Each structure stands twice: as C-alpha cells, then as structure tokens.
Amino acid sequence: MIIPNYSGGPITDKNGYPTPEFKSWHDQIILTLQQNAGTEGLVPASLPSTDISTIQAGTTKQNGTLIYDQTTDELKANIGGTFKVVQVV
C-alpha cells in the first residue's frame, strides 16, 4: 500500500473550507485505505504468480512485503529477497 504524501500548501481557504489540493489528497488517502483495509484488517496486494516472479527478479524489493498469490491461492512474504509461502499453523 502506498500512502500518498501531501505536497504542502494551505489546507483551508480564507473561509475555512478545504482547498482543492487538500480535498484531492484527502480523497486519495481515503480511497487507498478503503482498498487496502477491510473490516477484518489489512488486505495484501493480490497478484498472479508471474507478476510475483517479476517483482522477485527486480532490484527493488522490500523485506516483509506481503502478497497474496492468486495463482496458487497462497499468502507470501518477502524474506531476504525471496517470496516464501506463509504457513498458518
């Protein structure tokens, strides 16, 4: 999940109403949260195995990243640069 940064500037106009820039940022952050946080908690990105392999082959991987593999129906975590299946006991 990528949380958008607010670029700065006034949050409200001289009448106390949100500026268009702030409203746009606010709408983006709410949409991002709605898409990634369900009533049961955070929802990891959902990708097919081919896309996960492409990410794994790249150079910008963040340890601890969770991805749901649509192809294998498995939750995977990036550990040391490799996506490994998360096993629930």
C-alpha atoms as a PDB file:
ATOM      1  CA  MET A   1       0.000   0.000   0.000  1.00  0.00           C
ATOM      2  CA  ILE A   2       1.351   3.387  -0.955  1.00  0.00           C
ATOM      3  CA  ILE A   3       0.105   6.236   1.200  1.00  0.00           C
ATOM      4  CA  PRO A   4       0.145   9.447  -0.843  1.00  0.00           C
ATOM      5  CA  ASN A   5       2.117  12.375   0.573  1.00  0.00           C
ATOM      6  CA  TYR A   6       0.536  15.790   0.920  1.00  0.00           C
ATOM      7  CA  SER A   7       2.543  18.199  -1.200  1.00  0.00           C
ATOM      8  CA  GLY A   8       2.023  21.084   1.192  1.00  0.00           C
ATOM      9  CA  GLY A   9       0.276  24.361   0.830  1.00  0.00           C
ATOM     10  CA  PRO A  10      -2.756  25.627   2.694  1.00  0.00           C
ATOM     11  CA  ILE A  11      -5.257  23.068   3.915  1.00  0.00           C
ATOM     12  CA  THR A  12      -8.147  25.534   4.040  1.00  0.00           C
ATOM     13  CA  ASP A  13      -9.039  28.667   2.151  1.00  0.00           C
ATOM     14  CA  LYS A  14      -9.714  32.051   3.769  1.00  0.00           C
ATOM     15  CA  ASN A  15     -13.304  30.967   4.540  1.00  0.00           C
ATOM     16  CA  GLY A  16     -12.187  27.785   6.308  1.00  0.00           C
ATOM     17  CA  TYR A  17     -13.147  25.386   3.515  1.00  0.00           C
ATOM     18  CA  PRO A  18     -10.740  22.696   2.296  1.00  0.00           C
ATOM     19  CA  THR A  19      -8.613  23.731  -0.676  1.00  0.00           C
ATOM     20  CA  PRO A  20      -8.989  21.686  -3.878  1.00  0.00           C
ATOM     21  CA  GLU A  21      -5.434  20.341  -3.408  1.00  0.00           C
ATOM     22  CA  PHE A  22      -6.140  19.166   0.136  1.00  0.00           C
ATOM     23  CA  LYS A  23      -9.506  17.664  -0.856  1.00  0.00           C
ATOM     24  CA  SER A  24      -7.849  15.741  -3.706  1.00  0.00           C
ATOM     25  CA  TRP A  25      -5.170  14.365  -1.352  1.00  0.00           C
ATOM     26  CA  HIS A  26      -7.791  13.517   1.263  1.00  0.00           C
ATOM     27  CA  ASP A  27      -9.890  11.642  -1.306  1.00  0.00           C
ATOM     28  CA  GLN A  28      -6.809   9.711  -2.490  1.00  0.00           C
ATOM     29  CA  ILE A  29      -5.801   8.638   1.002  1.00  0.00           C
ATOM     30  CA  ILE A  30      -9.342   7.564   1.915  1.00  0.00           C
ATOM     31  CA  LEU A  31      -9.616   5.520  -1.304  1.00  0.00           C
ATOM     32  CA  THR A  32      -6.239   3.882  -0.639  1.00  0.00           C
ATOM     33  CA  LEU A  33      -7.266   2.946   2.899  1.00  0.00           C
ATOM     34  CA  GLN A  34     -10.648   1.631   1.743  1.00  0.00           C
ATOM     35  CA  GLN A  35      -8.974  -0.555  -0.888  1.00  0.00           C
ATOM     36  CA  ASN A  36      -6.353  -1.961   1.499  1.00  0.00           C
ATOM     37  CA  ALA A  37      -8.121  -2.230   4.843  1.00  0.00           C
ATOM     38  CA  GLY A  38     -11.232  -4.351   5.092  1.00  0.00           C
ATOM     39  CA  THR A  39     -13.475  -4.902   8.073  1.00  0.00           C
ATOM     40  CA  GLU A  40     -11.250  -7.846   9.051  1.00  0.00           C
ATOM     41  CA  GLY A  41      -7.963  -5.949   8.744  1.00  0.00           C
ATOM     42  CA  LEU A  42      -5.325  -5.127   6.123  1.00  0.00           C
ATOM     43  CA  VAL A  43      -5.679  -6.736   2.706  1.00  0.00           C
ATOM     44  CA  PRO A  44      -2.374  -7.547   0.973  1.00  0.00           C
ATOM     45  CA  ALA A  45      -1.858  -6.921  -2.725  1.00  0.00           C
ATOM     46  CA  SER A  46      -3.225  -9.738  -4.881  1.00  0.00           C
ATOM     47  CA  LEU A  47      -1.157 -10.737  -7.924  1.00  0.00           C
ATOM     48  CA  PRO A  48      -0.687 -13.746 -10.212  1.00  0.00           C
ATOM     49  CA  SER A  49       2.474 -15.843  -9.767  1.00  0.00           C
ATOM     50  CA  THR A  50       4.011 -14.415 -12.952  1.00  0.00           C
ATOM     51  CA  ASP A  51       3.870 -10.875 -11.570  1.00  0.00           C
ATOM     52  CA  ILE A  52       5.314 -12.017  -8.233  1.00  0.00           C
ATOM     53  CA  SER A  53       8.212 -13.648 -10.109  1.00  0.00           C
ATOM     54  CA  THR A  54       8.808 -10.393 -11.990  1.00  0.00           C
ATOM     55  CA  ILE A  55       8.914  -8.456  -8.710  1.00  0.00           C
ATOM     56  CA  GLN A  56      11.247 -11.040  -7.177  1.00  0.00           C
ATOM     57  CA  ALA A  57      13.623 -10.760 -10.157  1.00  0.00           C
ATOM     58  CA  GLY A  58      13.760  -6.958  -9.815  1.00  0.00           C
ATOM     59  CA  THR A  59      16.141  -4.947  -7.705  1.00  0.00           C
ATOM     60  CA  THR A  60      13.667  -3.041  -5.510  1.00  0.00           C
ATOM     61  CA  LYS A  61      12.180  -5.483  -3.050  1.00  0.00           C
ATOM     62  CA  GLN A  62      11.250  -4.579   0.499  1.00  0.00           C
ATOM     63  CA  ASN A  63      11.662  -7.290   3.137  1.00  0.00           C
ATOM     64  CA  GLY A  64       8.426  -8.069   4.920  1.00  0.00           C
ATOM     65  CA  THR A  65       6.206  -7.321   1.922  1.00  0.00           C
ATOM     66  CA  LEU A  66       3.062  -9.476   1.918  1.00  0.00           C
ATOM     67  CA  ILE A  67       1.456 -10.567  -1.360  1.00  0.00           C
ATOM     68  CA  TYR A  68      -1.473 -12.884  -1.998  1.00  0.00           C
ATOM     69  CA  ASP A  69      -0.685 -15.228  -4.902  1.00  0.00           C
ATOM     70  CA  GLN A  70      -3.866 -15.528  -6.986  1.00  0.00           C
ATOM     71  CA  THR A  71      -2.481 -18.452  -8.981  1.00  0.00           C
ATOM     72  CA  THR A  72      -1.552 -20.721  -6.062  1.00  0.00           C
ATOM     73  CA  ASP A  73      -4.057 -19.329  -3.527  1.00  0.00           C
ATOM     74  CA  GLU A  74      -1.229 -18.651  -1.041  1.00  0.00           C
ATOM     75  CA  LEU A  75      -0.101 -15.747   1.105  1.00  0.00           C
ATOM     76  CA  LYS A  76       3.582 -14.998   0.528  1.00  0.00           C
ATOM     77  CA  ALA A  77       6.108 -12.812   2.357  1.00  0.00           C
ATOM     78  CA  ASN A  78       9.343 -11.344   1.035  1.00  0.00           C
ATOM     79  CA  ILE A  79      12.082 -12.683   3.279  1.00  0.00           C
ATOM     80  CA  GLY A  80      15.653 -11.918   2.271  1.00  0.00           C
ATOM     81  CA  GLY A  81      14.639 -11.042  -1.289  1.00  0.00           C
ATOM     82  CA  THR A  82      12.584 -14.191  -1.910  1.00  0.00           C
ATOM     83  CA  PHE A  83       8.817 -14.557  -1.630  1.00  0.00           C
ATOM     84  CA  LYS A  84       8.086 -17.531   0.616  1.00  0.00           C
ATOM     85  CA  VAL A  85       4.741 -19.111   1.480  1.00  0.00           C
ATOM     86  CA  VAL A  86       3.357 -18.037   4.852  1.00  0.00           C
ATOM     87  CA  GLN A  87       2.208 -21.120   6.710  1.00  0.00           C
ATOM     88  CA  VAL A  88      -0.576 -20.855   9.257  1.00  0.00           C
ATOM     89  CA  VAL A  89      -0.422 -23.494  11.947  1.00  0.00           C
END
